[in-house]
């Protein structure tokens, strides 16, 4: 089953890429130009650069936490 929204997005993306003869550098430059224009117009963007990655817990810590659950 094809999702109509995904189909439409792919169509739009392909049309945009075709305008630049599928040259990724040209497409990226256009994205940056469009983003700069949107920022100048006051559009806000989410900054994910400062988002911290969750720390992975060492396996021994997880085992100790699980074993400790049974004790009251």
Protein backbone atom coordinates (compact mmCIF):
# COMPACT_ATOMS: atom_id res chain seq x y z
CA UNK A 1 0.00 0.00 0.00
CA UNK A 2 1.47 3.33 -1.03
CA UNK A 3 1.17 6.27 1.33
CA UNK A 4 -0.19 9.27 -0.64
CA UNK A 5 1.71 11.76 1.53
CA UNK A 6 5.05 10.01 0.94
CA UNK A 7 4.28 9.77 -2.78
CA UNK A 8 3.56 13.51 -2.91
CA UNK A 9 6.73 14.38 -0.97
CA UNK A 10 8.85 12.26 -3.29
CA UNK A 11 7.27 13.96 -6.29
CA UNK A 12 8.06 17.41 -4.86
CA UNK A 13 11.62 16.36 -3.95
CA UNK A 14 12.20 14.95 -7.43
CA UNK A 15 10.89 18.12 -9.10
CA UNK A 16 13.20 20.23 -6.92
CA UNK A 17 16.21 18.02 -7.72
CA UNK A 18 15.37 18.11 -11.45
CA UNK A 19 15.55 21.95 -11.38
CA UNK A 20 19.23 21.55 -10.44
CA UNK A 21 19.94 18.64 -12.78
CA UNK A 22 20.24 16.36 -9.70
CA UNK A 23 23.46 18.17 -8.66
CA UNK A 24 23.62 17.72 -4.89
CA UNK A 25 25.86 20.74 -4.31
CA UNK A 26 23.43 22.98 -6.19
CA UNK A 27 20.47 21.51 -4.29
CA UNK A 28 22.23 22.06 -0.95
CA UNK A 29 23.06 25.66 -1.88
CA UNK A 30 19.39 26.25 -2.68
CA UNK A 31 18.36 24.75 0.68
CA UNK A 32 20.77 27.07 2.48
CA UNK A 33 19.50 30.07 0.50
CA UNK A 34 15.87 29.18 1.29
CA UNK A 35 16.68 28.67 4.98
CA UNK A 36 18.45 32.05 5.20
CA UNK A 37 15.46 33.74 3.58
CA UNK A 38 13.08 32.03 6.01
CA UNK A 39 15.20 33.11 8.99
CA UNK A 40 15.21 36.71 7.72
CA UNK A 41 11.42 36.49 7.46
CA UNK A 42 11.28 35.51 11.14
CA UNK A 43 10.63 31.79 10.80
CA UNK A 44 11.97 29.88 13.80
CA UNK A 45 13.98 26.69 13.59
CA UNK A 46 14.66 24.00 16.16
CA UNK A 47 18.33 23.79 17.12
CA UNK A 48 19.25 20.18 17.84
CA UNK A 49 23.01 20.77 17.98
CA UNK A 50 22.99 21.18 21.77
CA UNK A 51 20.83 18.15 22.40
CA UNK A 52 22.73 15.69 24.55
CA UNK A 53 22.81 12.04 23.65
CA UNK A 54 21.67 9.77 26.46
CA UNK A 55 24.55 8.05 28.19
CA UNK A 56 24.71 4.34 27.67
CA UNK A 57 24.61 2.42 30.88
CA UNK A 58 27.29 -0.16 31.35
CA UNK A 59 25.89 -3.70 31.39
CA UNK A 60 27.04 -4.31 34.97
CA UNK A 61 25.08 -1.24 36.12
CA UNK A 62 21.94 -2.57 34.46
CA UNK A 63 22.39 -6.02 36.01
CA UNK A 64 22.90 -4.48 39.48
CA UNK A 65 19.78 -2.33 39.03
CA UNK A 66 17.71 -5.36 38.03
CA UNK A 67 19.05 -7.49 40.90
CA UNK A 68 18.39 -4.68 43.34
CA UNK A 69 14.68 -4.53 42.45
CA UNK A 70 13.91 -7.73 44.34
CA UNK A 71 15.27 -6.39 47.64
CA UNK A 72 12.96 -4.40 49.88
